[in-house]
């Protein structure tokens, strides 16, 4: 970002101004995309199903309780979505 600030000080023509604006727009777009991607990843990571899967996995190492509960939750979600 400091590079752009240095360029802004040295702008003498419209072409230089437009080039600098393009750089700034690209940087803003890149940061916005990174934030959106991070939000999507966090949303998926902390979905109710994933949270439940992790907690059940920690509780049941021997009994396939986790798989049974996930199947039950998936079924309940399908039933709820019908209505």
Protein backbone atom coordinates (compact mmCIF):
# COMPACT_ATOMS: atom_id res chain seq x y z
CA UNK A 1 0.00 0.00 0.00
CA UNK A 2 2.92 2.35 0.65
CA UNK A 3 3.99 1.93 -2.98
CA UNK A 4 0.67 3.38 -4.08
CA UNK A 5 1.02 6.31 -1.67
CA UNK A 6 4.42 7.09 -3.14
CA UNK A 7 2.96 6.91 -6.63
CA UNK A 8 0.13 9.24 -5.68
CA UNK A 9 2.62 11.92 -4.64
CA UNK A 10 4.39 11.64 -7.99
CA UNK A 11 1.31 11.79 -10.26
CA UNK A 12 1.74 14.35 -13.01
CA UNK A 13 -0.58 13.16 -15.79
CA UNK A 14 -4.06 11.69 -16.19
CA UNK A 15 -2.55 8.41 -17.40
CA UNK A 16 -0.52 8.10 -14.19
CA UNK A 17 -3.65 8.88 -12.15
CA UNK A 18 -5.69 6.22 -13.94
CA UNK A 19 -2.92 3.64 -13.52
CA UNK A 20 -2.75 4.39 -9.81
CA UNK A 21 -6.54 4.12 -9.48
CA UNK A 22 -6.45 0.69 -11.15
CA UNK A 23 -3.83 -0.50 -8.65
CA UNK A 24 -5.89 0.72 -5.72
CA UNK A 25 -9.11 -0.85 -7.05
CA UNK A 26 -7.32 -4.16 -7.57
CA UNK A 27 -5.92 -4.10 -4.02
CA UNK A 28 -9.35 -3.32 -2.57
CA UNK A 29 -10.91 -6.08 -4.67
CA UNK A 30 -8.28 -8.60 -3.59
CA UNK A 31 -8.78 -7.76 0.09
CA UNK A 32 -12.55 -7.94 -0.28
CA UNK A 33 -12.33 -11.34 -1.95
CA UNK A 34 -10.02 -12.61 0.80
CA UNK A 35 -12.46 -11.46 3.48
CA UNK A 36 -15.43 -13.04 1.70
CA UNK A 37 -13.54 -16.30 1.25
CA UNK A 38 -12.52 -16.33 4.90
CA UNK A 39 -16.13 -15.72 5.95
CA UNK A 40 -17.39 -18.58 3.76
CA UNK A 41 -14.78 -20.93 5.19
CA UNK A 42 -15.62 -19.94 8.76
CA UNK A 43 -19.35 -20.30 8.09
CA UNK A 44 -18.81 -23.84 6.78
CA UNK A 45 -16.40 -24.75 9.58
CA UNK A 46 -18.85 -23.69 12.29
CA UNK A 47 -22.05 -24.97 10.74
CA UNK A 48 -24.36 -26.73 13.22
CA UNK A 49 -23.74 -30.05 11.52
CA UNK A 50 -19.95 -29.73 11.73
CA UNK A 51 -20.05 -28.62 15.35
CA UNK A 52 -22.27 -31.57 16.22
CA UNK A 53 -20.05 -33.97 14.28
CA UNK A 54 -16.95 -32.84 16.15
CA UNK A 55 -18.60 -33.05 19.55
CA UNK A 56 -20.06 -36.49 18.85
CA UNK A 57 -16.72 -37.66 17.51
CA UNK A 58 -15.05 -36.62 20.73
CA UNK A 59 -17.67 -38.41 22.84
CA UNK A 60 -18.00 -41.67 20.96
CA UNK A 61 -14.83 -43.43 19.90
CA UNK A 62 -16.16 -47.01 20.21
CA UNK A 63 -19.90 -46.85 19.53
CA UNK A 64 -20.95 -45.53 16.06
CA UNK A 65 -23.14 -42.98 17.82
CA UNK A 66 -21.79 -40.18 15.65
CA UNK A 67 -22.93 -41.73 12.37
CA UNK A 68 -26.35 -42.59 13.77
CA UNK A 69 -26.89 -39.06 15.04
CA UNK A 70 -25.72 -37.45 11.81
CA UNK A 71 -28.13 -39.62 9.85
CA UNK A 72 -30.92 -38.63 12.22
CA UNK A 73 -30.09 -34.92 11.89
CA UNK A 74 -29.91 -35.17 8.10
CA UNK A 75 -33.30 -36.88 8.04
CA UNK A 76 -34.82 -34.24 10.33
CA UNK A 77 -33.45 -31.45 8.14
CA UNK A 78 -35.06 -33.02 5.08
CA UNK A 79 -38.39 -33.36 6.90
CA UNK A 80 -38.27 -29.75 8.10
CA UNK A 81 -37.42 -28.44 4.61
CA UNK A 82 -40.51 -30.13 3.18
CA UNK A 83 -42.70 -27.86 5.27
